[in-house]
PDB file of N, CA and C in Angstrom:
ATOM      1  N   MET A   1       0.853  -1.170   0.000  1.00  0.00           N
ATOM      2  CA  MET A   1       0.000   0.000   0.000  1.00  0.00           C
ATOM      3  C   MET A   1       0.898   1.231   0.000  1.00  0.00           C
ATOM      4  N   ASN A   2       0.571   2.193  -0.814  1.00  0.00           N
ATOM      5  CA  ASN A   2       1.306   3.453  -0.820  1.00  0.00           C
ATOM      6  C   ASN A   2       0.450   4.545  -0.180  1.00  0.00           C
ATOM      7  N   LYS A   3       0.996   5.760  -0.122  1.00  0.00           N
ATOM      8  CA  LYS A   3       0.301   6.847   0.571  1.00  0.00           C
ATOM      9  C   LYS A   3      -1.025   7.183  -0.104  1.00  0.00           C
ATOM     10  N   ARG A   4      -1.074   7.150  -1.418  1.00  0.00           N
ATOM     11  CA  ARG A   4      -2.317   7.453  -2.138  1.00  0.00           C
ATOM     12  C   ARG A   4      -3.411   6.442  -1.766  1.00  0.00           C
ATOM     13  N   GLU A   5      -3.053   5.179  -1.678  1.00  0.00           N
ATOM     14  CA  GLU A   5      -4.028   4.147  -1.307  1.00  0.00           C
ATOM     15  C   GLU A   5      -4.456   4.304   0.149  1.00  0.00           C
ATOM     16  N   LEU A   6      -3.523   4.689   1.015  1.00  0.00           N
ATOM     17  CA  LEU A   6      -3.871   4.931   2.415  1.00  0.00           C
ATOM     18  C   LEU A   6      -4.861   6.090   2.530  1.00  0.00           C
ATOM     19  N   ILE A   7      -4.632   7.150   1.783  1.00  0.00           N
ATOM     20  CA  ILE A   7      -5.549   8.296   1.800  1.00  0.00           C
ATOM     21  C   ILE A   7      -6.938   7.874   1.330  1.00  0.00           C
ATOM     22  N   ALA A   8      -7.004   7.058   0.284  1.00  0.00           N
ATOM     23  CA  ALA A   8      -8.309   6.584  -0.207  1.00  0.00           C
ATOM     24  C   ALA A   8      -9.016   5.740   0.848  1.00  0.00           C
ATOM     25  N   ARG A   9      -8.267   4.913   1.555  1.00  0.00           N
ATOM     26  CA  ARG A   9      -8.861   4.076   2.601  1.00  0.00           C
ATOM     27  C   ARG A   9      -9.346   4.933   3.770  1.00  0.00           C
ATOM     28  N   VAL A  10      -8.563   5.927   4.153  1.00  0.00           N
ATOM     29  CA  VAL A  10      -8.977   6.833   5.234  1.00  0.00           C
ATOM     30  C   VAL A  10     -10.235   7.584   4.828  1.00  0.00           C
ATOM     31  N   GLN A  11     -10.314   8.005   3.580  1.00  0.00           N
ATOM     32  CA  GLN A  11     -11.499   8.716   3.099  1.00  0.00           C
ATOM     33  C   GLN A  11     -12.734   7.823   3.199  1.00  0.00           C
ATOM     34  N   ARG A  12     -12.588   6.541   2.850  1.00  0.00           N
ATOM     35  CA  ARG A  12     -13.726   5.614   2.979  1.00  0.00           C
ATOM     36  C   ARG A  12     -14.145   5.461   4.441  1.00  0.00           C
ATOM     37  N   TYR A  13     -13.177   5.359   5.355  1.00  0.00           N
ATOM     38  CA  TYR A  13     -13.494   5.229   6.780  1.00  0.00           C
ATOM     39  C   TYR A  13     -14.154   6.484   7.337  1.00  0.00           C
ATOM     40  N   MET A  14     -13.807   7.646   6.784  1.00  0.00           N
ATOM     41  CA  MET A  14     -14.382   8.892   7.263  1.00  0.00           C
ATOM     42  C   MET A  14     -15.850   9.021   6.865  1.00  0.00           C
ATOM     43  N   GLY A  15     -16.275   8.292   5.855  1.00  0.00           N
ATOM     44  CA  GLY A  15     -17.678   8.240   5.511  1.00  0.00           C
ATOM     45  C   GLY A  15     -18.131   9.245   4.472  1.00  0.00           C
ATOM     46  N   VAL A  16     -19.446   9.263   4.289  1.00  0.00           N
ATOM     47  CA  VAL A  16     -20.069  10.118   3.291  1.00  0.00           C
ATOM     48  C   VAL A  16     -19.779  11.583   3.619  1.00  0.00           C
ATOM     49  N   GLY A  17     -19.495  12.346   2.594  1.00  0.00           N
ATOM     50  CA  GLY A  17     -19.246  13.769   2.783  1.00  0.00           C
ATOM     51  C   GLY A  17     -17.778  14.106   2.963  1.00  0.00           C
ATOM     52  N   SER A  18     -16.942  13.094   3.161  1.00  0.00           N
ATOM     53  CA  SER A  18     -15.521  13.405   3.310  1.00  0.00           C
ATOM     54  C   SER A  18     -14.891  13.558   1.927  1.00  0.00           C
ATOM     55  N   THR A  19     -13.946  14.441   1.829  1.00  0.00           N
ATOM     56  CA  THR A  19     -13.286  14.680   0.552  1.00  0.00           C
ATOM     57  C   THR A  19     -11.867  14.134   0.597  1.00  0.00           C
ATOM     58  N   ARG A  20     -11.278  14.048  -0.559  1.00  0.00           N
ATOM     59  CA  ARG A  20      -9.894  13.580  -0.635  1.00  0.00           C
ATOM     60  C   ARG A  20      -8.974  14.555   0.099  1.00  0.00           C
ATOM     61  N   GLU A  21      -9.292  15.831   0.033  1.00  0.00           N
ATOM     62  CA  GLU A  21      -8.473  16.839   0.690  1.00  0.00           C
ATOM     63  C   GLU A  21      -8.496  16.676   2.212  1.00  0.00           C
ATOM     64  N   THR A  22      -9.671  16.386   2.785  1.00  0.00           N
ATOM     65  CA  THR A  22      -9.738  16.203   4.237  1.00  0.00           C
ATOM     66  C   THR A  22      -9.015  14.933   4.653  1.00  0.00           C
ATOM     67  N   ALA A  23      -9.140  13.883   3.862  1.00  0.00           N
ATOM     68  CA  ALA A  23      -8.428  12.635   4.161  1.00  0.00           C
ATOM     69  C   ALA A  23      -6.922  12.835   4.037  1.00  0.00           C
ATOM     70  N   THR A  24      -6.488  13.580   3.020  1.00  0.00           N
ATOM     71  CA  THR A  24      -5.064  13.869   2.848  1.00  0.00           C
ATOM     72  C   THR A  24      -4.545  14.670   4.031  1.00  0.00           C
ATOM     73  N   ALA A  25      -5.314  15.664   4.459  1.00  0.00           N
ATOM     74  CA  ALA A  25      -4.909  16.477   5.611  1.00  0.00           C
ATOM     75  C   ALA A  25      -4.812  15.619   6.873  1.00  0.00           C
ATOM     76  N   ALA A  26      -5.747  14.694   7.065  1.00  0.00           N
ATOM     77  CA  ALA A  26      -5.727  13.825   8.239  1.00  0.00           C
ATOM     78  C   ALA A  26      -4.495  12.921   8.231  1.00  0.00           C
ATOM     79  N   VAL A  27      -4.206  12.302   7.103  1.00  0.00           N
ATOM     80  CA  VAL A  27      -3.042  11.413   6.999  1.00  0.00           C
ATOM     81  C   VAL A  27      -1.760  12.211   7.217  1.00  0.00           C
ATOM     82  N   ASN A  28      -1.641  13.362   6.569  1.00  0.00           N
ATOM     83  CA  ASN A  28      -0.445  14.186   6.730  1.00  0.00           C
ATOM     84  C   ASN A  28      -0.263  14.647   8.169  1.00  0.00           C
ATOM     85  N   ALA A  29      -1.357  14.982   8.833  1.00  0.00           N
ATOM     86  CA  ALA A  29      -1.278  15.427  10.225  1.00  0.00           C
ATOM     87  C   ALA A  29      -0.784  14.300  11.129  1.00  0.00           C
ATOM     88  N   VAL A  30      -1.299  13.108  10.926  1.00  0.00           N
ATOM     89  CA  VAL A  30      -0.871  11.968  11.747  1.00  0.00           C
ATOM     90  C   VAL A  30       0.595  11.642  11.493  1.00  0.00           C
ATOM     91  N   LEU A  31       1.002  11.571  10.234  1.00  0.00           N
ATOM     92  CA  LEU A  31       2.391  11.241   9.920  1.00  0.00           C
ATOM     93  C   LEU A  31       3.350  12.304  10.440  1.00  0.00           C
ATOM     94  N   SER A  32       3.001  13.560  10.302  1.00  0.00           N
ATOM     95  CA  SER A  32       3.853  14.639  10.810  1.00  0.00           C
ATOM     96  C   SER A  32       3.951  14.599  12.327  1.00  0.00           C
ATOM     97  N   SER A  33       2.840  14.307  12.981  1.00  0.00           N
ATOM     98  CA  SER A  33       2.831  14.226  14.441  1.00  0.00           C
ATOM     99  C   SER A  33       3.685  13.070  14.934  1.00  0.00           C
ATOM    100  N   ILE A  34       3.621  11.929  14.260  1.00  0.00           N
ATOM    101  CA  ILE A  34       4.441  10.781  14.635  1.00  0.00           C
ATOM    102  C   ILE A  34       5.918  11.120  14.474  1.00  0.00           C
ATOM    103  N   ALA A  35       6.277  11.716  13.348  1.00  0.00           N
ATOM    104  CA  ALA A  35       7.679  12.068  13.100  1.00  0.00           C
ATOM    105  C   ALA A  35       8.186  13.068  14.134  1.00  0.00           C
ATOM    106  N   ALA A  36       7.395  14.093  14.431  1.00  0.00           N
ATOM    107  CA  ALA A  36       7.826  15.118  15.389  1.00  0.00           C
ATOM    108  C   ALA A  36       7.940  14.548  16.799  1.00  0.00           C
ATOM    109  N   ALA A  37       6.962  13.770  17.214  1.00  0.00           N
ATOM    110  CA  ALA A  37       6.967  13.217  18.571  1.00  0.00           C
ATOM    111  C   ALA A  37       8.095  12.214  18.753  1.00  0.00           C
ATOM    112  N   SER A  38       8.370  11.406  17.751  1.00  0.00           N
ATOM    113  CA  SER A  38       9.398  10.381  17.900  1.00  0.00           C
ATOM    114  C   SER A  38      10.798  10.971  17.907  1.00  0.00           C
ATOM    115  N   HIS A  39      10.979  12.195  17.413  1.00  0.00           N
ATOM    116  CA  HIS A  39      12.281  12.838  17.490  1.00  0.00           C
ATOM    117  C   HIS A  39      12.549  13.372  18.898  1.00  0.00           C
ATOM    118  N   GLU A  40      11.503  13.569  19.661  1.00  0.00           N
ATOM    119  CA  GLU A  40      11.645  14.073  21.022  1.00  0.00           C
ATOM    120  C   GLU A  40      11.793  12.937  22.023  1.00  0.00           C
ATOM    121  N   GLU A  41      11.032  11.874  21.834  1.00  0.00           N
ATOM    122  CA  GLU A  41      11.041  10.739  22.752  1.00  0.00           C
ATOM    123  C   GLU A  41      10.401   9.547  22.062  1.00  0.00           C
ATOM    124  N   LYS A  42      10.410   8.412  22.725  1.00  0.00           N
ATOM    125  CA  LYS A  42       9.786   7.215  22.174  1.00  0.00           C
ATOM    126  C   LYS A  42       8.268   7.405  22.171  1.00  0.00           C
ATOM    127  N   LEU A  43       7.638   7.089  21.066  1.00  0.00           N
ATOM    128  CA  LEU A  43       6.194   7.225  20.925  1.00  0.00           C
ATOM    129  C   LEU A  43       5.578   5.837  20.933  1.00  0.00           C
ATOM    130  N   GLN A  44       4.777   5.536  21.951  1.00  0.00           N
ATOM    131  CA  GLN A  44       4.151   4.226  22.067  1.00  0.00           C
ATOM    132  C   GLN A  44       2.652   4.349  21.835  1.00  0.00           C
ATOM    133  N   LEU A  45       2.141   3.536  20.914  1.00  0.00           N
ATOM    134  CA  LEU A  45       0.710   3.474  20.644  1.00  0.00           C
ATOM    135  C   LEU A  45       0.233   2.078  21.061  1.00  0.00           C
ATOM    136  N   LYS A  46      -0.577   2.033  22.091  1.00  0.00           N
ATOM    137  CA  LYS A  46      -1.028   0.764  22.651  1.00  0.00           C
ATOM    138  C   LYS A  46      -1.689  -0.099  21.575  1.00  0.00           C
ATOM    139  N   ASN A  47      -1.346  -1.358  21.553  1.00  0.00           N
ATOM    140  CA  ASN A  47      -1.855  -2.374  20.612  1.00  0.00           C
ATOM    141  C   ASN A  47      -1.463  -2.092  19.159  1.00  0.00           C
ATOM    142  N   PHE A  48      -0.542  -1.171  18.938  1.00  0.00           N
ATOM    143  CA  PHE A  48      -0.072  -0.904  17.580  1.00  0.00           C
ATOM    144  C   PHE A  48       1.435  -1.061  17.497  1.00  0.00           C
ATOM    145  N   GLY A  49       2.176  -0.269  18.290  1.00  0.00           N
ATOM    146  CA  GLY A  49       3.623  -0.384  18.284  1.00  0.00           C
ATOM    147  C   GLY A  49       4.290   0.867  18.798  1.00  0.00           C
ATOM    148  N   SER A  50       5.622   0.922  18.630  1.00  0.00           N
ATOM    149  CA  SER A  50       6.420   2.036  19.115  1.00  0.00           C
ATOM    150  C   SER A  50       7.280   2.603  17.996  1.00  0.00           C
ATOM    151  N   PHE A  51       7.355   3.920  17.941  1.00  0.00           N
ATOM    152  CA  PHE A  51       8.251   4.625  17.035  1.00  0.00           C
ATOM    153  C   PHE A  51       9.366   5.218  17.891  1.00  0.00           C
ATOM    154  N   TYR A  52      10.608   5.100  17.427  1.00  0.00           N
ATOM    155  CA  TYR A  52      11.727   5.637  18.181  1.00  0.00           C
ATOM    156  C   TYR A  52      12.892   5.924  17.236  1.00  0.00           C
ATOM    157  N   LEU A  53      13.844   6.732  17.706  1.00  0.00           N
ATOM    158  CA  LEU A  53      15.040   7.015  16.923  1.00  0.00           C
ATOM    159  C   LEU A  53      16.082   5.951  17.220  1.00  0.00           C
ATOM    160  N   LYS A  54      16.675   5.431  16.177  1.00  0.00           N
ATOM    161  CA  LYS A  54      17.680   4.384  16.291  1.00  0.00           C
ATOM    162  C   LYS A  54      19.011   4.958  15.834  1.00  0.00           C
ATOM    163  N   GLU A  55      20.037   4.782  16.637  1.00  0.00           N
ATOM    164  CA  GLU A  55      21.381   5.246  16.301  1.00  0.00           C
ATOM    165  C   GLU A  55      22.060   4.191  15.434  1.00  0.00           C
ATOM    166  N   LYS A  56      22.559   4.598  14.281  1.00  0.00           N
ATOM    167  CA  LYS A  56      23.305   3.687  13.416  1.00  0.00           C
ATOM    168  C   LYS A  56      24.759   4.136  13.388  1.00  0.00           C
ATOM    169  N   PRO A  57      25.694   3.248  13.713  1.00  0.00           N
ATOM    170  CA  PRO A  57      27.107   3.640  13.735  1.00  0.00           C
ATOM    171  C   PRO A  57      27.662   3.832  12.323  1.00  0.00           C
ATOM    172  N   ALA A  58      28.789   4.528  12.254  1.00  0.00           N
ATOM    173  CA  ALA A  58      29.478   4.690  10.970  1.00  0.00           C
ATOM    174  C   ALA A  58      29.942   3.308  10.500  1.00  0.00           C
ATOM    175  N   ARG A  59      30.002   3.124   9.194  1.00  0.00           N
ATOM    176  CA  ARG A  59      30.397   1.808   8.668  1.00  0.00           C
ATOM    177  C   ARG A  59      31.029   1.978   7.293  1.00  0.00           C
ATOM    178  N   LYS A  60      31.674   0.920   6.843  1.00  0.00           N
ATOM    179  CA  LYS A  60      32.283   0.900   5.516  1.00  0.00           C
ATOM    180  C   LYS A  60      31.252   0.363   4.534  1.00  0.00           C
ATOM    181  N   GLY A  61      31.265   0.875   3.314  1.00  0.00           N
ATOM    182  CA  GLY A  61      30.369   0.406   2.270  1.00  0.00           C
ATOM    183  C   GLY A  61      31.085   0.466   0.938  1.00  0.00           C
ATOM    184  N   HIS A  62      30.334   0.298  -0.120  1.00  0.00           N
ATOM    185  CA  HIS A  62      30.910   0.398  -1.459  1.00  0.00           C
ATOM    186  C   HIS A  62      29.911   1.059  -2.396  1.00  0.00           C
ATOM    187  N   HIS A  63      30.435   1.739  -3.390  1.00  0.00           N
ATOM    188  CA  HIS A  63      29.593   2.396  -4.382  1.00  0.00           C
ATOM    189  C   HIS A  63      28.931   1.306  -5.223  1.00  0.00           C
ATOM    190  N   PRO A  64      27.608   1.321  -5.384  1.00  0.00           N
ATOM    191  CA  PRO A  64      26.919   0.238  -6.079  1.00  0.00           C
ATOM    192  C   PRO A  64      27.291   0.108  -7.562  1.00  0.00           C
ATOM    193  N   LEU A  65      27.678   1.188  -8.197  1.00  0.00           N
ATOM    194  CA  LEU A  65      28.002   1.112  -9.622  1.00  0.00           C
ATOM    195  C   LEU A  65      29.470   0.796  -9.880  1.00  0.00           C
ATOM    196  N   THR A  66      30.349   1.446  -9.111  1.00  0.00           N
ATOM    197  CA  THR A  66      31.788   1.278  -9.376  1.00  0.00           C
ATOM    198  C   THR A  66      32.446   0.267  -8.458  1.00  0.00           C
ATOM    199  N   GLY A  67      31.840  -0.001  -7.303  1.00  0.00           N
ATOM    200  CA  GLY A  67      32.433  -0.921  -6.341  1.00  0.00           C
ATOM    201  C   GLY A  67      33.503  -0.270  -5.487  1.00  0.00           C
ATOM    202  N   ASP A  68      33.758   1.024  -5.679  1.00  0.00           N
ATOM    203  CA  ASP A  68      34.762   1.729  -4.887  1.00  0.00           C
ATOM    204  C   ASP A  68      34.343   1.766  -3.417  1.00  0.00           C
ATOM    205  N   PRO A  69      35.301   1.580  -2.496  1.00  0.00           N
ATOM    206  CA  PRO A  69      34.958   1.643  -1.071  1.00  0.00           C
ATOM    207  C   PRO A  69      34.633   3.078  -0.661  1.00  0.00           C
ATOM    208  N   LEU A  70      33.743   3.201   0.308  1.00  0.00           N
ATOM    209  CA  LEU A  70      33.412   4.500   0.864  1.00  0.00           C
ATOM    210  C   LEU A  70      32.984   4.313   2.299  1.00  0.00           C
ATOM    211  N   SER A  71      33.046   5.379   3.066  1.00  0.00           N
ATOM    212  CA  SER A  71      32.604   5.283   4.450  1.00  0.00           C
ATOM    213  C   SER A  71      31.248   5.974   4.581  1.00  0.00           C
ATOM    214  N   ILE A  72      30.365   5.321   5.274  1.00  0.00           N
ATOM    215  CA  ILE A  72      29.010   5.816   5.498  1.00  0.00           C
ATOM    216  C   ILE A  72      28.978   6.394   6.911  1.00  0.00           C
ATOM    217  N   PRO A  73      28.628   7.666   7.067  1.00  0.00           N
ATOM    218  CA  PRO A  73      28.676   8.285   8.398  1.00  0.00           C
ATOM    219  C   PRO A  73      27.583   7.754   9.329  1.00  0.00           C
ATOM    220  N   ALA A  74      27.795   7.949  10.608  1.00  0.00           N
ATOM    221  CA  ALA A  74      26.792   7.581  11.604  1.00  0.00           C
ATOM    222  C   ALA A  74      25.551   8.445  11.396  1.00  0.00           C
ATOM    223  N   CYS A  75      24.399   7.905  11.731  1.00  0.00           N
ATOM    224  CA  CYS A  75      23.159   8.660  11.564  1.00  0.00           C
ATOM    225  C   CYS A  75      22.101   8.134  12.532  1.00  0.00           C
ATOM    226  N   ARG A  76      21.010   8.860  12.578  1.00  0.00           N
ATOM    227  CA  ARG A  76      19.847   8.425  13.356  1.00  0.00           C
ATOM    228  C   ARG A  76      18.703   8.235  12.374  1.00  0.00           C
ATOM    229  N   GLU A  77      17.916   7.172  12.575  1.00  0.00           N
ATOM    230  CA  GLU A  77      16.772   6.936  11.703  1.00  0.00           C
ATOM    231  C   GLU A  77      15.566   6.549  12.530  1.00  0.00           C
ATOM    232  N   LEU A  78      14.403   6.830  11.982  1.00  0.00           N
ATOM    233  CA  LEU A  78      13.155   6.490  12.649  1.00  0.00           C
ATOM    234  C   LEU A  78      12.916   4.997  12.503  1.00  0.00           C
ATOM    235  N   ALA A  79      12.648   4.327  13.612  1.00  0.00           N
ATOM    236  CA  ALA A  79      12.414   2.882  13.604  1.00  0.00           C
ATOM    237  C   ALA A  79      11.042   2.605  14.204  1.00  0.00           C
ATOM    238  N   PHE A  80      10.513   1.429  13.888  1.00  0.00           N
ATOM    239  CA  PHE A  80       9.201   1.024  14.386  1.00  0.00           C
ATOM    240  C   PHE A  80       9.291  -0.402  14.887  1.00  0.00           C
ATOM    241  N   HIS A  81       8.715  -0.645  16.043  1.00  0.00           N
ATOM    242  CA  HIS A  81       8.620  -1.994  16.590  1.00  0.00           C
ATOM    243  C   HIS A  81       7.148  -2.269  16.835  1.00  0.00           C
ATOM    244  N   SER A  82       6.615  -3.282  16.163  1.00  0.00           N
ATOM    245  CA  SER A  82       5.177  -3.543  16.269  1.00  0.00           C
ATOM    246  C   SER A  82       4.817  -4.210  17.586  1.00  0.00           C
ATOM    247  N   ALA A  83       3.578  -3.997  18.006  1.00  0.00           N
ATOM    248  CA  ALA A  83       3.056  -4.618  19.214  1.00  0.00           C
ATOM    249  C   ALA A  83       2.768  -6.087  18.938  1.00  0.00           C
ATOM    250  N   LEU A  84       2.747  -6.879  19.982  1.00  0.00           N
ATOM    251  CA  LEU A  84       2.500  -8.307  19.814  1.00  0.00           C
ATOM    252  C   LEU A  84       1.145  -8.578  19.177  1.00  0.00           C
ATOM    253  N   LYS A  85       0.103  -7.805  19.544  1.00  0.00           N
ATOM    254  CA  LYS A  85      -1.222  -8.016  18.985  1.00  0.00           C
ATOM    255  C   LYS A  85      -1.220  -7.767  17.475  1.00  0.00           C
ATOM    256  N   LEU A  86      -0.435  -6.785  17.032  1.00  0.00           N
ATOM    257  CA  LEU A  86      -0.345  -6.479  15.612  1.00  0.00           C
ATOM    258  C   LEU A  86       0.372  -7.613  14.869  1.00  0.00           C
ATOM    259  N   GLU A  87       1.390  -8.209  15.498  1.00  0.00           N
ATOM    260  CA  GLU A  87       2.144  -9.282  14.866  1.00  0.00           C
ATOM    261  C   GLU A  87       1.323 -10.551  14.706  1.00  0.00           C
ATOM    262  N   GLU A  88       0.306 -10.753  15.548  1.00  0.00           N
ATOM    263  CA  GLU A  88      -0.498 -11.969  15.500  1.00  0.00           C
ATOM    264  C   GLU A  88      -1.404 -12.019  14.281  1.00  0.00           C
ATOM    265  N   HIS A  89      -1.723 -10.885  13.682  1.00  0.00           N
ATOM    266  CA  HIS A  89      -2.667 -10.844  12.554  1.00  0.00           C
ATOM    267  C   HIS A  89      -2.017 -11.201  11.275  1.00  0.00           C
TER     268      HIS A  89
END
């Protein structure tokens, strides 16, 4: 499922009278809120999962086209760990 399909599904759940624009605004608001909150602290949604920042150390890699070695700097990325109830489905 991509974002466009998610917006269409949210619009169906919102019911009669909802527009694509309102569904898009709702999806964007939720995604932005998750991203902002998880940068401050761990965000836990009961029966769904947790969003948190994961530290990735610097590492060696290679250029995919030339094969030349390169170093990849350390970074932080948004990670998700699903709840057990979500994993059972």
